[in-house]
Amino acid sequence: MAISLDKINSALDRLDNKGGSNNNQDNIVKLEEGEHQLRIAPYKEDLEMPFQELWFHFRIGGRTFLCPNKMKNEPDPICDFATTCWNEFTKTKDESYKEMFKTMAPTLRVYLPVMIRGDEDRGLRWWSISPRTTYKEILNHVRSGLRQNVDITDPTEGLDLMVTVEPGFNGWLMPTTITTALKPTALAPKKDIKDVIDTISPIDSLFDYSPVEEMKEALEKHINPNADDSDSSAGTSIDFSKNSGGTKGESVAAEEDNTNDKINDAFDKLLK
């Protein structure tokens, strides 16, 4: 089954509308500074969409958590408290509540299975990319190809990506240019393609959900980092069962859901 144009469009729409712990770093690609040639491969668990979107809470009490609210619509005390902070900000206009919300809101990361040329013996690995920049750029390459009846992820006649990585904000390495190769190539020798696609570890095997109680403890630590273990909840009075203010059941969007109207307008004009 070929990659789905509908799912690519849906992923781009989510970006435009902005509407756990890692168990296996060996399966995660870290691109060093320089030029790289890589190939997006089909994901054996979802052949229509290799891009897998995961939502995390980062740096909560020194830990990272998969967001059960965004991922599977299950209880999430960190999201609950983020909503409380946002509601307090809307009522009081106290910027400290807004800043606290920004640290609590879930953040999107995108993973895609790739083959690094020159490192084929390691099989497929997951490349983690930014949803604000790299993800959207690659999606546009995929969509542009599909509109010309070219699936750049096709394992037999697809196109490699040429990626240049350079230091960016705060010296972090990030892709600065991404182009597609001009000549179609196979992911691997035809007889090996199925075996190569099977080398990717399922994305849900790399990250675990944490028990709600652990999330609560980390949240208490995040809010009250200087408290002793014997008095870790002093002064917090967190009510995880309901939001403070706002409509009952109301929840705030994740930080990645904020829309940049100018970028959207420019993108719409480009498409037209």
Protein backbone atom coordinates (compact mmCIF):
# COMPACT_ATOMS: atom_id res chain seq x y z
CA MET A 1 0.00 0.00 0.00
CA ALA A 2 1.38 3.41 -0.99
CA ILE A 3 1.67 6.42 1.27
CA SER A 4 -1.64 8.27 1.67
CA LEU A 5 -1.95 11.81 0.31
CA ASP A 6 -4.97 12.32 2.59
CA LYS A 7 -2.87 11.58 5.67
CA ILE A 8 -0.08 13.89 4.48
CA ASN A 9 -2.64 16.67 3.96
CA SER A 10 -4.14 15.96 7.38
CA ALA A 11 -0.73 16.25 9.04
CA LEU A 12 -0.10 19.59 7.33
CA ASP A 13 -3.55 20.82 8.33
CA ARG A 14 -2.82 20.03 11.99
CA LEU A 15 0.41 22.03 11.78
CA ASP A 16 -1.29 24.98 10.11
CA ASN A 17 -4.29 24.99 12.43
CA LYS A 18 -2.19 24.08 15.39
CA GLY A 19 -5.31 22.62 16.15
CA GLY A 20 7.75 8.46 29.03
CA SER A 21 10.97 7.69 29.07
CA ASN A 22 13.03 6.63 26.13
CA ASN A 23 13.89 2.95 26.38
CA ASN A 24 16.07 2.47 23.32
CA GLN A 25 18.34 5.25 22.14
CA ASP A 26 20.00 2.83 19.69
CA ASN A 27 16.85 3.10 17.58
CA ILE A 28 16.92 6.90 17.46
CA VAL A 29 18.95 8.72 14.79
CA LYS A 30 21.15 11.61 15.85
CA LEU A 31 22.49 13.45 12.83
CA GLU A 32 25.86 15.08 13.34
CA GLU A 33 26.88 18.38 11.77
CA GLY A 34 27.40 18.07 8.03
CA GLU A 35 25.64 16.60 5.01
CA HIS A 36 23.59 13.42 5.15
CA GLN A 37 21.77 11.29 2.62
CA LEU A 38 18.85 9.35 3.98
CA ARG A 39 15.69 7.64 2.86
CA ILE A 40 12.25 7.72 4.43
CA ALA A 41 10.95 4.17 4.56
CA PRO A 42 7.41 2.81 4.92
CA TYR A 43 6.44 2.10 8.52
CA LYS A 44 5.34 -1.51 8.80
CA GLU A 45 2.68 -0.66 11.43
CA ASP A 46 1.08 2.08 9.30
CA LEU A 47 1.97 1.74 5.63
CA GLU A 48 -0.08 4.81 4.68
CA MET A 49 1.73 7.18 7.06
CA PRO A 50 5.39 6.81 8.09
CA PHE A 51 5.29 10.00 10.20
CA GLN A 52 4.37 9.18 13.78
CA GLU A 53 3.28 12.05 16.04
CA LEU A 54 4.01 11.74 19.77
CA TRP A 55 3.17 14.24 22.52
CA PHE A 56 5.39 14.70 25.55
CA HIS A 57 5.65 16.69 28.74
CA PHE A 58 9.32 17.70 28.95
CA ARG A 59 11.35 18.59 32.06
CA ILE A 60 8.60 18.01 34.62
CA GLY A 61 10.40 17.39 37.88
CA GLY A 62 13.47 16.49 35.84
CA ARG A 63 11.57 13.86 33.83
CA THR A 64 9.89 13.40 30.46
CA PHE A 65 6.42 11.86 30.16
CA LEU A 66 4.31 10.72 27.25
CA CYS A 67 1.08 12.71 27.41
CA PRO A 68 -1.79 10.25 27.97
CA ASN A 69 -4.33 13.02 27.39
CA LYS A 70 -3.14 13.88 23.87
CA MET A 71 -2.09 10.37 22.92
CA LYS A 72 -5.11 8.35 24.08
CA ASN A 73 -7.53 10.73 25.79
CA GLU A 74 -6.81 9.38 29.26
CA PRO A 75 -6.34 11.19 32.61
CA ASP A 76 -3.25 13.37 32.77
CA PRO A 77 -2.54 15.39 35.93
CA ILE A 78 0.04 17.57 34.15
CA CYS A 79 -2.48 18.60 31.49
CA ASP A 80 -5.04 19.21 34.24
CA PHE A 81 -2.69 21.55 36.04
CA ALA A 82 -1.73 23.27 32.77
CA THR A 83 -5.42 23.98 32.25
CA THR A 84 -5.67 25.36 35.78
CA CYS A 85 -2.73 27.69 35.10
CA TRP A 86 -4.25 28.90 31.83
CA ASN A 87 -7.63 29.57 33.41
CA GLU A 88 -5.95 31.55 36.20
CA PHE A 89 -4.04 33.56 33.62
CA THR A 90 -7.20 34.39 31.67
CA LYS A 91 -8.85 35.57 34.90
CA THR A 92 -5.97 37.46 36.49
CA LYS A 93 -3.67 38.29 33.52
CA ASP A 94 -0.81 37.28 35.81
CA GLU A 95 2.03 36.34 33.42
CA SER A 96 3.48 33.87 35.93
CA TYR A 97 0.49 31.57 35.33
CA LYS A 98 1.07 31.82 31.59
CA GLU A 99 4.74 30.90 31.97
CA MET A 100 3.82 27.94 34.17
CA PHE A 101 1.30 26.80 31.55
CA LYS A 102 3.98 26.90 28.85
CA THR A 103 6.21 24.56 30.85
CA MET A 104 3.31 22.14 31.44
CA ALA A 105 1.60 22.01 28.04
CA PRO A 106 2.35 18.91 25.94
CA THR A 107 4.84 19.31 23.10
CA LEU A 108 4.71 17.50 19.78
CA ARG A 109 7.65 15.51 18.44
CA VAL A 110 7.53 13.63 15.15
CA TYR A 111 9.32 10.38 14.38
CA LEU A 112 9.86 8.81 10.97
CA PRO A 113 11.66 5.61 9.95
CA VAL A 114 14.76 6.32 7.89
CA MET A 115 17.72 4.55 6.34
CA ILE A 116 20.98 6.47 6.61
CA ARG A 117 22.99 5.97 3.47
CA GLY A 118 26.44 4.67 4.30
CA ASP A 119 25.06 3.13 7.49
CA GLU A 120 22.70 0.58 5.96
CA ASP A 121 23.96 -2.24 8.16
CA ARG A 122 22.14 -0.68 11.13
CA GLY A 123 18.78 -1.03 9.39
CA LEU A 124 15.94 1.44 9.82
CA ARG A 125 15.95 3.84 12.74
CA TRP A 126 13.66 6.58 13.97
CA TRP A 127 14.53 10.19 13.20
CA SER A 128 13.02 12.68 15.64
CA ILE A 129 12.20 16.02 14.01
CA SER A 130 10.72 19.37 14.96
CA PRO A 131 7.06 19.83 14.01
CA ARG A 132 7.48 23.57 13.46
CA THR A 133 10.20 23.39 10.82
CA THR A 134 11.64 20.08 9.61
CA TYR A 135 8.39 18.11 9.71
CA LYS A 136 6.49 20.64 7.66
CA GLU A 137 9.31 20.96 5.12
CA ILE A 138 9.52 17.19 4.61
CA LEU A 139 5.72 16.88 4.39
CA ASN A 140 5.75 19.46 1.65
CA HIS A 141 8.40 17.48 -0.27
CA VAL A 142 6.23 14.36 0.08
CA ARG A 143 3.06 16.16 -0.99
CA SER A 144 4.78 17.85 -3.92
CA GLY A 145 5.93 14.46 -5.15
CA LEU A 146 2.50 12.85 -4.71
CA ARG A 147 0.92 15.61 -6.78
CA GLN A 148 3.26 14.55 -9.58
CA ASN A 149 2.51 10.85 -8.99
CA VAL A 150 5.87 10.33 -7.28
CA ASP A 151 5.98 8.72 -3.84
CA ILE A 152 9.39 9.65 -2.44
CA THR A 153 8.95 7.00 0.28
CA ASP A 154 8.35 4.19 -2.21
CA PRO A 155 10.84 1.41 -1.36
CA THR A 156 11.63 0.59 -4.98
CA GLU A 157 11.32 3.90 -6.88
CA GLY A 158 11.45 6.61 -4.23
CA LEU A 159 13.82 9.52 -3.70
CA ASP A 160 16.47 10.03 -1.03
CA LEU A 161 16.60 13.21 1.03
CA MET A 162 19.74 15.33 1.12
CA VAL A 163 19.95 16.94 4.58
CA THR A 164 22.42 19.54 5.80
CA VAL A 165 22.75 19.86 9.57
CA GLU A 166 24.25 22.97 11.17
CA PRO A 167 24.30 24.61 14.61
CA GLY A 168 21.19 26.68 15.21
CA PHE A 169 19.52 28.24 18.25
CA ASN A 170 21.72 27.90 21.36
CA GLY A 171 24.16 25.85 19.27
CA TRP A 172 21.72 22.96 18.84
CA LEU A 173 22.25 20.96 15.69
CA MET A 174 19.32 21.20 13.30
CA PRO A 175 18.57 20.59 9.62
CA THR A 176 19.03 23.82 7.66
CA THR A 177 18.42 22.59 4.11
CA ILE A 178 16.48 19.57 2.89
CA THR A 179 16.23 18.64 -0.78
CA THR A 180 15.22 15.53 -2.67
CA ALA A 181 17.55 13.56 -4.91
CA LEU A 182 16.85 13.86 -8.63
CA LYS A 183 17.23 10.19 -9.47
CA PRO A 184 14.93 7.46 -8.06
CA THR A 185 16.64 4.65 -6.18
CA ALA A 186 15.59 1.59 -4.23
CA LEU A 187 15.60 1.53 -0.45
CA ALA A 188 17.63 -1.68 -0.66
CA PRO A 189 18.15 -4.55 -3.12
CA LYS A 190 14.70 -5.76 -4.15
CA LYS A 191 15.07 -9.15 -2.48
CA ASP A 192 15.94 -7.46 0.85
CA ILE A 193 13.32 -4.70 0.96
CA LYS A 194 10.75 -6.54 3.09
CA ASP A 195 13.41 -7.61 5.59
CA VAL A 196 14.76 -4.04 5.80
CA ILE A 197 11.30 -2.60 6.47
CA ASP A 198 10.89 -5.15 9.25
CA THR A 199 14.05 -3.91 11.01
CA ILE A 200 12.29 -0.86 12.50
CA SER A 201 11.20 -1.20 16.12
CA PRO A 202 7.52 -0.33 16.68
CA ILE A 203 7.31 3.23 17.94
CA ASP A 204 5.20 2.22 20.93
CA SER A 205 7.97 -0.12 22.07
CA LEU A 206 10.41 2.78 22.54
CA PHE A 207 8.41 4.87 24.99
CA ASP A 208 6.42 3.88 28.06
CA TYR A 209 3.51 5.58 29.76
CA SER A 210 4.16 6.39 33.40
CA PRO A 211 1.68 5.69 36.20
CA VAL A 212 -0.47 8.69 37.08
CA GLU A 213 0.94 8.71 40.62
CA GLU A 214 4.47 9.13 39.25
CA MET A 215 3.28 12.02 37.11
CA LYS A 216 1.70 13.65 40.17
CA GLU A 217 4.91 13.26 42.17
CA ALA A 218 7.00 14.80 39.38
CA LEU A 219 4.51 17.65 39.07
CA GLU A 220 4.72 18.35 42.80
CA LYS A 221 8.51 18.41 42.52
CA HIS A 222 8.34 20.70 39.49
CA ILE A 223 6.09 23.19 41.28
CA ASN A 224 7.87 23.00 44.63
CA PRO A 225 11.48 22.00 43.79
CA ASN A 226 12.99 23.17 47.08
CA ALA A 227 10.61 21.26 49.35
CA ASP A 228 11.94 18.43 51.53
CA ASP A 229 10.68 14.93 50.82
CA SER A 230 8.73 15.03 54.06
CA ASP A 231 6.92 18.19 53.01
CA SER A 232 6.91 17.94 49.23
CA SER A 233 3.34 19.13 48.81
CA ALA A 234 3.47 22.07 51.19
CA GLY A 235 2.00 25.18 49.70
CA THR A 236 0.90 23.63 46.41
CA SER A 237 -2.65 22.46 47.17
CA ILE A 238 -2.99 20.98 43.70
CA ASP A 239 -6.50 19.79 42.85
CA PHE A 240 -6.09 17.19 40.14
CA SER A 241 -9.80 16.43 39.94
CA LYS A 242 -10.98 19.67 38.38
CA ASN A 243 -9.79 22.81 36.67
CA SER A 244 -9.72 26.16 38.36
CA GLY A 245 -12.09 28.54 36.63
CA GLY A 246 -13.47 28.23 33.10
CA THR A 247 -16.18 25.91 31.89
CA LYS A 248 -16.49 22.46 33.41
CA GLY A 249 -14.53 19.98 31.31
CA GLU A 250 -12.79 22.75 29.39
CA SER A 251 -9.20 22.00 28.50
CA VAL A 252 -6.52 24.11 26.93
CA ALA A 253 -4.70 23.32 23.72
CA ALA A 254 -1.11 22.18 23.72
CA GLU A 255 1.62 24.75 23.16
CA GLU A 256 2.15 23.45 19.61
CA ASP A 257 -1.52 24.26 18.84
CA ASN A 258 -0.88 28.02 18.78
CA THR A 259 -1.33 29.44 15.29
CA ASN A 260 1.04 31.82 13.54
CA ASP A 261 -1.37 33.69 11.24
CA LYS A 262 1.35 35.30 9.14
CA ILE A 263 2.95 31.95 8.34
CA ASN A 264 -0.45 30.46 7.55
CA ASP A 265 -1.33 33.32 5.21
CA ALA A 266 1.98 33.04 3.39
CA PHE A 267 1.60 29.29 3.07
CA ASP A 268 -1.94 29.65 1.72
CA LYS A 269 -0.75 32.15 -0.87
CA LEU A 270 2.06 29.82 -1.90
CA LEU A 271 -0.35 26.93 -2.43
CA LYS A 272 -2.67 29.11 -4.48
